[in-house]
Amino acid sequence: MIARNNLKIETNLFGFNQLSWSVDGDVDYIDHFRIYASSDGIFCLIATIHPHVVGTSGTIKYFYRDSDMYGRLGKTTYTVAPVLLNFNESPGKMSESITNNNNLPTFLR
């Protein structure tokens, strides 16, 4: 399994940041993904998600909607780590950052 660093983050007016990524190779060895966020010098686990597609190899697109870090001022870096069936993190981590400089309330954006 080889993870590509193709993590994308899209923000919207619905109150969440949408993360999307794909993995190359056999996804049968992935148990789940850990999603971390880093902001203001704090790095923490914010979610774990299980793949919805089972028994398929090749490129599959995954999505996660994060409402916890949405609207946070400054830079937020998301890291997605595949976790294998033996519960060890795969070396194929993906990271991407988003910066919010807008401090208007979300209903005014």
Protein backbone atom coordinates (compact mmCIF):
# COMPACT_ATOMS: atom_id res chain seq x y z
CA MET A 1 0.00 0.00 0.00
CA ILE A 2 1.34 3.39 -0.98
CA ALA A 3 -0.49 6.50 0.17
CA ARG A 4 -0.28 9.51 -2.08
CA ASN A 5 0.11 12.96 -0.60
CA ASN A 6 -3.05 14.23 -2.27
CA LEU A 7 -4.95 15.41 0.78
CA LYS A 8 -7.25 18.29 -0.17
CA ILE A 9 -9.16 20.60 2.15
CA GLU A 10 -12.18 22.62 1.10
CA THR A 11 -13.97 25.05 3.35
CA ASN A 12 -17.56 26.07 2.82
CA LEU A 13 -20.39 28.09 4.32
CA PHE A 14 -22.16 25.02 5.70
CA GLY A 15 -19.96 24.96 8.80
CA PHE A 16 -17.29 22.37 8.04
CA ASN A 17 -13.96 21.75 6.33
CA GLN A 18 -14.14 18.81 3.95
CA LEU A 19 -11.04 16.67 3.69
CA SER A 20 -10.63 14.29 0.75
CA TRP A 21 -7.83 11.89 -0.14
CA SER A 22 -7.11 8.65 -1.96
CA VAL A 23 -4.83 5.68 -1.42
CA ASP A 24 -2.99 3.67 -4.05
CA GLY A 25 -2.73 -0.07 -3.63
CA ASP A 26 -4.58 -2.74 -1.72
CA VAL A 27 -6.94 -1.14 0.78
CA ASP A 28 -7.77 -4.52 2.33
CA TYR A 29 -4.88 -3.94 4.76
CA ILE A 30 -6.28 -0.65 6.08
CA ASP A 31 -8.37 -0.93 9.24
CA HIS A 32 -9.09 2.79 9.67
CA PHE A 33 -7.68 6.29 9.28
CA ARG A 34 -6.60 8.62 12.09
CA ILE A 35 -7.14 12.31 11.45
CA TYR A 36 -5.02 14.77 13.38
CA ALA A 37 -5.17 18.56 13.52
CA SER A 38 -2.45 20.98 14.52
CA SER A 39 -3.15 24.61 15.42
CA ASP A 40 -1.49 27.12 17.74
CA GLY A 41 1.23 24.59 18.57
CA ILE A 42 -1.21 21.88 19.68
CA PHE A 43 -1.29 18.57 17.79
CA CYS A 44 -4.16 16.22 18.60
CA LEU A 45 -6.26 13.38 17.26
CA ILE A 46 -9.65 14.71 16.19
CA ALA A 47 -11.24 11.67 14.52
CA THR A 48 -10.92 8.08 13.43
CA ILE A 49 -12.89 6.81 10.47
CA HIS A 50 -13.29 3.39 8.91
CA PRO A 51 -13.19 2.91 5.15
CA HIS A 52 -16.63 2.35 3.66
CA VAL A 53 -15.41 0.21 0.76
CA VAL A 54 -14.28 -3.34 1.53
CA GLY A 55 -12.44 -5.82 -0.67
CA THR A 56 -11.45 -3.42 -3.46
CA SER A 57 -7.96 -2.60 -4.65
CA GLY A 58 -6.87 0.41 -6.64
CA THR A 59 -7.59 4.08 -6.07
CA ILE A 60 -10.52 4.95 -3.80
CA LYS A 61 -11.56 8.42 -2.66
CA TYR A 62 -12.21 9.05 1.06
CA PHE A 63 -13.94 12.02 2.70
CA TYR A 64 -14.20 13.50 6.18
CA ARG A 65 -16.18 16.57 7.30
CA ASP A 66 -14.63 18.46 10.21
CA SER A 67 -16.74 21.05 12.00
CA ASP A 68 -14.46 21.36 15.08
CA MET A 69 -11.66 23.32 13.39
CA TYR A 70 -13.93 25.17 10.95
CA GLY A 71 -13.72 28.94 11.38
CA ARG A 72 -10.65 28.80 13.60
CA LEU A 73 -8.42 31.80 12.92
CA GLY A 74 -4.92 31.18 11.67
CA LYS A 75 -3.29 28.11 10.21
CA THR A 76 -4.61 24.60 10.80
CA THR A 77 -2.70 21.57 9.54
CA TYR A 78 -4.55 18.30 9.04
CA THR A 79 -2.72 14.96 8.94
CA VAL A 80 -4.36 11.73 7.78
CA ALA A 81 -2.65 8.49 8.80
CA PRO A 82 -3.74 5.07 7.53
CA VAL A 83 -3.82 2.45 10.29
CA LEU A 84 -3.20 -1.13 9.25
CA LEU A 85 -4.96 -4.29 10.46
CA ASN A 86 -2.24 -4.78 13.12
CA PHE A 87 -3.13 -1.26 14.42
CA ASN A 88 0.22 0.26 13.46
CA GLU A 89 0.19 3.50 11.53
CA SER A 90 1.37 3.16 7.97
CA PRO A 91 4.32 5.35 6.94
CA GLY A 92 2.12 6.91 4.25
CA LYS A 93 0.85 9.93 6.20
CA MET A 94 -0.60 12.87 4.28
CA SER A 95 -0.64 16.49 5.50
CA GLU A 96 -2.19 19.71 4.23
CA SER A 97 -2.80 23.14 5.76
CA ILE A 98 -5.57 25.68 5.57
CA THR A 99 -5.42 29.29 6.78
CA ASN A 100 -8.42 31.33 7.89
CA ASN A 101 -7.83 35.07 8.09
CA ASN A 102 -11.50 35.95 8.25
CA ASN A 103 -12.85 36.74 11.72
CA LEU A 104 -16.41 37.56 10.64
CA PRO A 105 -19.13 35.40 12.14
CA THR A 106 -20.02 32.54 9.80
CA PHE A 107 -23.51 33.91 9.13
CA LEU A 108 -21.95 37.09 7.65
CA ARG A 109 -19.54 35.32 5.27
